[in-house]
Amino acid sequence: MAAPANHSVANLHQHVGHDFGLSEPLVIEQSRIDQFAQCTGDHQWIHVDVDRARRQGPFGGTIAHGLLSLSLIPAVQYALGVYPADAGNILNYGFDKVRFLAPVPAGKAIVVRVELAGVEAKGPGRHLVCTKNTAYLADEPLRPVLVAESLAMVMA
């Protein structure tokens, strides 16, 4: 699915409940995990030590940081057309109800389903937009690995 044909800042509230569909698969390669560890300083061995994770880890190899998977959601939202083309500014407002339900093994791809969960007017031309984001391993589309509600301030 895609954005509704008449999708605009003025009528965002009319589209609550709209399912924007699934993203393209996003491969979570070990190099991306390592770069995320460099950026955040989170070098826990379950993420970055391939040999140790293979030998001692409970998942048979390294896994992505949960926050890495979470950080991919805004790009997915743009790609799926969640935010109307007439929006002047879109500001990340935060996340609610974040749950990491299953590990994402290095080398696997995830897909993310985005649904418009709510729109709250916050003044002239400003709307707080809530989306429900559910990530799955691309080859296991019935088992969520991540569920999060995200908030964005959308301004005309």
C-alpha atoms as a PDB file:
ATOM      1  CA  MET A   1       0.000   0.000   0.000  1.00  0.00           C
ATOM      2  CA  ALA A   2       1.021   3.583  -0.325  1.00  0.00           C
ATOM      3  CA  ALA A   3      -0.049   7.012   0.813  1.00  0.00           C
ATOM      4  CA  PRO A   4      -3.684   7.909   0.125  1.00  0.00           C
ATOM      5  CA  ALA A   5      -4.217   9.919  -3.068  1.00  0.00           C
ATOM      6  CA  ASN A   6      -5.363  13.055  -1.223  1.00  0.00           C
ATOM      7  CA  HIS A   7      -2.716  12.856   1.512  1.00  0.00           C
ATOM      8  CA  SER A   8      -1.982  16.337   2.913  1.00  0.00           C
ATOM      9  CA  VAL A   9      -1.198  18.030   6.217  1.00  0.00           C
ATOM     10  CA  ALA A  10      -4.729  19.475   6.311  1.00  0.00           C
ATOM     11  CA  ASN A  11      -6.411  16.064   6.120  1.00  0.00           C
ATOM     12  CA  LEU A  12      -3.982  13.853   8.014  1.00  0.00           C
ATOM     13  CA  HIS A  13      -6.633  13.111  10.641  1.00  0.00           C
ATOM     14  CA  GLN A  14      -8.870  11.543   7.948  1.00  0.00           C
ATOM     15  CA  HIS A  15      -6.283   8.834   7.352  1.00  0.00           C
ATOM     16  CA  VAL A  16      -5.922   7.477  10.890  1.00  0.00           C
ATOM     17  CA  GLY A  17      -5.870   3.710  10.588  1.00  0.00           C
ATOM     18  CA  HIS A  18      -4.279   3.741   7.128  1.00  0.00           C
ATOM     19  CA  ASP A  19      -1.770   0.948   6.560  1.00  0.00           C
ATOM     20  CA  PHE A  20       1.169   2.228   4.513  1.00  0.00           C
ATOM     21  CA  GLY A  21       2.332  -1.324   3.915  1.00  0.00           C
ATOM     22  CA  LEU A  22       5.710  -2.976   4.225  1.00  0.00           C
ATOM     23  CA  SER A  23       9.061  -1.391   3.540  1.00  0.00           C
ATOM     24  CA  GLU A  24      11.595  -2.821   1.167  1.00  0.00           C
ATOM     25  CA  PRO A  25      13.863  -5.322   2.945  1.00  0.00           C
ATOM     26  CA  LEU A  26      16.694  -3.684   4.893  1.00  0.00           C
ATOM     27  CA  VAL A  27      19.699  -5.974   5.307  1.00  0.00           C
ATOM     28  CA  ILE A  28      21.371  -5.601   8.687  1.00  0.00           C
ATOM     29  CA  GLU A  29      24.927  -6.498   7.728  1.00  0.00           C
ATOM     30  CA  GLN A  30      27.707  -6.926  10.268  1.00  0.00           C
ATOM     31  CA  SER A  31      29.398  -3.815   8.872  1.00  0.00           C
ATOM     32  CA  ARG A  32      26.280  -1.757   9.714  1.00  0.00           C
ATOM     33  CA  ILE A  33      26.203  -3.218  13.227  1.00  0.00           C
ATOM     34  CA  ASP A  34      29.890  -2.364  13.668  1.00  0.00           C
ATOM     35  CA  GLN A  35      29.326   1.213  12.439  1.00  0.00           C
ATOM     36  CA  PHE A  36      26.415   1.601  14.850  1.00  0.00           C
ATOM     37  CA  ALA A  37      28.641   0.359  17.695  1.00  0.00           C
ATOM     38  CA  GLN A  38      31.266   2.947  16.720  1.00  0.00           C
ATOM     39  CA  CYS A  39      28.694   5.746  16.696  1.00  0.00           C
ATOM     40  CA  THR A  40      27.088   4.827  20.014  1.00  0.00           C
ATOM     41  CA  GLY A  41      29.997   3.340  21.943  1.00  0.00           C
ATOM     42  CA  ASP A  42      27.977   0.136  22.529  1.00  0.00           C
ATOM     43  CA  HIS A  43      30.567  -2.548  21.814  1.00  0.00           C
ATOM     44  CA  GLN A  44      28.860  -5.408  23.676  1.00  0.00           C
ATOM     45  CA  TRP A  45      30.358  -8.628  22.303  1.00  0.00           C
ATOM     46  CA  ILE A  46      26.977 -10.103  21.297  1.00  0.00           C
ATOM     47  CA  HIS A  47      26.896  -7.398  18.607  1.00  0.00           C
ATOM     48  CA  VAL A  48      30.504  -6.999  17.474  1.00  0.00           C
ATOM     49  CA  ASP A  49      32.582 -10.083  18.326  1.00  0.00           C
ATOM     50  CA  VAL A  50      31.629 -12.517  15.570  1.00  0.00           C
ATOM     51  CA  ASP A  51      33.804 -15.405  16.804  1.00  0.00           C
ATOM     52  CA  ARG A  52      32.763 -15.146  20.446  1.00  0.00           C
ATOM     53  CA  ALA A  53      29.082 -14.733  19.546  1.00  0.00           C
ATOM     54  CA  ARG A  54      29.300 -17.848  17.367  1.00  0.00           C
ATOM     55  CA  ARG A  55      30.980 -19.848  20.161  1.00  0.00           C
ATOM     56  CA  GLN A  56      29.290 -18.511  23.311  1.00  0.00           C
ATOM     57  CA  GLY A  57      26.242 -16.545  22.272  1.00  0.00           C
ATOM     58  CA  PRO A  58      22.713 -17.879  22.525  1.00  0.00           C
ATOM     59  CA  PHE A  59      21.874 -17.007  18.886  1.00  0.00           C
ATOM     60  CA  GLY A  60      24.698 -18.691  16.961  1.00  0.00           C
ATOM     61  CA  GLY A  61      26.211 -15.386  15.893  1.00  0.00           C
ATOM     62  CA  THR A  62      26.047 -11.654  16.357  1.00  0.00           C
ATOM     63  CA  ILE A  63      22.776  -9.746  16.521  1.00  0.00           C
ATOM     64  CA  ALA A  64      21.840  -6.162  15.744  1.00  0.00           C
ATOM     65  CA  HIS A  65      21.455  -3.643  18.534  1.00  0.00           C
ATOM     66  CA  GLY A  66      17.751  -3.134  19.210  1.00  0.00           C
ATOM     67  CA  LEU A  67      18.326   0.601  18.930  1.00  0.00           C
ATOM     68  CA  LEU A  68      19.851   0.112  15.474  1.00  0.00           C
ATOM     69  CA  SER A  69      16.629  -1.512  14.273  1.00  0.00           C
ATOM     70  CA  LEU A  70      14.616   1.244  15.942  1.00  0.00           C
ATOM     71  CA  SER A  71      16.709   3.963  14.283  1.00  0.00           C
ATOM     72  CA  LEU A  72      15.744   2.727  10.812  1.00  0.00           C
ATOM     73  CA  ILE A  73      12.056   3.556  11.292  1.00  0.00           C
ATOM     74  CA  PRO A  74      12.124   7.245  10.235  1.00  0.00           C
ATOM     75  CA  ALA A  75      13.751   6.422   6.878  1.00  0.00           C
ATOM     76  CA  VAL A  76      11.148   3.709   6.294  1.00  0.00           C
ATOM     77  CA  GLN A  77       8.357   6.177   7.045  1.00  0.00           C
ATOM     78  CA  TYR A  78       9.674   8.606   4.430  1.00  0.00           C
ATOM     79  CA  ALA A  79      10.094   5.816   1.872  1.00  0.00           C
ATOM     80  CA  LEU A  80       6.494   4.650   2.410  1.00  0.00           C
ATOM     81  CA  GLY A  81       5.084   8.182   2.060  1.00  0.00           C
ATOM     82  CA  VAL A  82       3.767   8.504   5.602  1.00  0.00           C
ATOM     83  CA  TYR A  83       4.389  12.247   5.687  1.00  0.00           C
ATOM     84  CA  PRO A  84       2.513  14.381   3.158  1.00  0.00           C
ATOM     85  CA  ALA A  85       4.473  16.122   0.414  1.00  0.00           C
ATOM     86  CA  ASP A  86       3.105  19.507   1.531  1.00  0.00           C
ATOM     87  CA  ALA A  87       4.645  19.215   5.015  1.00  0.00           C
ATOM     88  CA  GLY A  88       7.082  22.076   5.584  1.00  0.00           C
ATOM     89  CA  ASN A  89       8.875  20.467   8.525  1.00  0.00           C
ATOM     90  CA  ILE A  90       8.806  17.052  10.134  1.00  0.00           C
ATOM     91  CA  LEU A  91      10.483  16.753  13.517  1.00  0.00           C
ATOM     92  CA  ASN A  92      11.133  13.521  15.385  1.00  0.00           C
ATOM     93  CA  TYR A  93       9.183  13.840  18.637  1.00  0.00           C
ATOM     94  CA  GLY A  94      10.093  10.489  20.176  1.00  0.00           C
ATOM     95  CA  PHE A  95       8.971   6.904  20.627  1.00  0.00           C
ATOM     96  CA  ASP A  96       6.401   5.276  22.894  1.00  0.00           C
ATOM     97  CA  LYS A  97       5.819   1.647  23.801  1.00  0.00           C
ATOM     98  CA  VAL A  98       9.013   0.288  22.258  1.00  0.00           C
ATOM     99  CA  ARG A  99       9.427  -3.481  22.500  1.00  0.00           C
ATOM    100  CA  PHE A 100      12.292  -5.592  21.173  1.00  0.00           C
ATOM    101  CA  LEU A 101      10.583  -8.968  20.774  1.00  0.00           C
ATOM    102  CA  ALA A 102      13.215 -11.087  19.038  1.00  0.00           C
ATOM    103  CA  PRO A 103      16.839 -10.745  17.957  1.00  0.00           C
ATOM    104  CA  VAL A 104      17.838  -9.664  14.458  1.00  0.00           C
ATOM    105  CA  PRO A 105      20.803 -11.836  13.415  1.00  0.00           C
ATOM    106  CA  ALA A 106      23.589 -10.160  11.467  1.00  0.00           C
ATOM    107  CA  GLY A 107      23.089 -10.623   7.743  1.00  0.00           C
ATOM    108  CA  LYS A 108      19.302 -10.918   7.965  1.00  0.00           C
ATOM    109  CA  ALA A 109      16.889  -8.441   6.421  1.00  0.00           C
ATOM    110  CA  ILE A 110      13.990  -6.777   8.166  1.00  0.00           C
ATOM    111  CA  VAL A 111      10.815  -5.261   6.757  1.00  0.00           C
ATOM    112  CA  VAL A 112       8.732  -2.673   8.602  1.00  0.00           C
ATOM    113  CA  ARG A 113       4.957  -2.177   8.442  1.00  0.00           C
ATOM    114  CA  VAL A 114       3.786   1.370   9.234  1.00  0.00           C
ATOM    115  CA  GLU A 115       0.234   2.318  10.211  1.00  0.00           C
ATOM    116  CA  LEU A 116      -1.057   5.810  10.981  1.00  0.00           C
ATOM    117  CA  ALA A 117      -2.249   5.412  14.583  1.00  0.00           C
ATOM    118  CA  GLY A 118      -3.232   8.944  15.516  1.00  0.00           C
ATOM    119  CA  VAL A 119      -3.126  12.631  14.662  1.00  0.00           C
ATOM    120  CA  GLU A 120      -3.490  15.379  17.257  1.00  0.00           C
ATOM    121  CA  ALA A 121      -3.786  19.052  16.321  1.00  0.00           C
ATOM    122  CA  LYS A 122      -1.186  21.112  18.178  1.00  0.00           C
ATOM    123  CA  GLY A 123      -1.970  24.575  16.853  1.00  0.00           C
ATOM    124  CA  PRO A 124      -2.354  26.160  13.441  1.00  0.00           C
ATOM    125  CA  GLY A 125      -0.653  23.975  10.840  1.00  0.00           C
ATOM    126  CA  ARG A 126       0.932  21.658  13.428  1.00  0.00           C
ATOM    127  CA  HIS A 127      -0.003  18.036  14.062  1.00  0.00           C
ATOM    128  CA  LEU A 128       1.482  15.414  16.360  1.00  0.00           C
ATOM    129  CA  VAL A 129       1.468  12.241  14.283  1.00  0.00           C
ATOM    130  CA  CYS A 130       1.652   8.801  15.893  1.00  0.00           C
ATOM    131  CA  THR A 131       2.529   5.738  13.832  1.00  0.00           C
ATOM    132  CA  LYS A 132       2.606   2.082  14.793  1.00  0.00           C
ATOM    133  CA  ASN A 133       5.729   0.454  13.409  1.00  0.00           C
ATOM    134  CA  THR A 134       6.171  -3.312  13.366  1.00  0.00           C
ATOM    135  CA  ALA A 135       9.403  -4.880  12.124  1.00  0.00           C
ATOM    136  CA  TYR A 136       9.727  -8.498  11.015  1.00  0.00           C
ATOM    137  CA  LEU A 137      12.556 -10.615   9.701  1.00  0.00           C
ATOM    138  CA  ALA A 138      11.925 -10.543   5.952  1.00  0.00           C
ATOM    139  CA  ASP A 139      11.840 -14.338   5.785  1.00  0.00           C
ATOM    140  CA  GLU A 140       9.549 -14.653   8.854  1.00  0.00           C
ATOM    141  CA  PRO A 141       6.786 -12.094   8.211  1.00  0.00           C
ATOM    142  CA  LEU A 142       4.425 -13.390  10.904  1.00  0.00           C
ATOM    143  CA  ARG A 143       6.764 -12.970  13.893  1.00  0.00           C
ATOM    144  CA  PRO A 144       7.504  -9.373  14.943  1.00  0.00           C
ATOM    145  CA  VAL A 145      11.022  -8.543  16.111  1.00  0.00           C
ATOM    146  CA  LEU A 146      10.189  -4.941  17.083  1.00  0.00           C
ATOM    147  CA  VAL A 147       7.049  -2.959  17.791  1.00  0.00           C
ATOM    148  CA  ALA A 148       7.163   0.787  18.469  1.00  0.00           C
ATOM    149  CA  GLU A 149       4.918   3.792  18.360  1.00  0.00           C
ATOM    150  CA  SER A 150       6.716   6.798  16.969  1.00  0.00           C
ATOM    151  CA  LEU A 151       5.764  10.452  17.243  1.00  0.00           C
ATOM    152  CA  ALA A 152       6.539  13.230  14.778  1.00  0.00           C
ATOM    153  CA  MET A 153       5.553  16.885  14.740  1.00  0.00           C
ATOM    154  CA  VAL A 154       4.334  17.625  11.211  1.00  0.00           C
ATOM    155  CA  MET A 155       4.086  21.279  10.243  1.00  0.00           C
ATOM    156  CA  ALA A 156       2.514  22.842   7.178  1.00  0.00           C
END
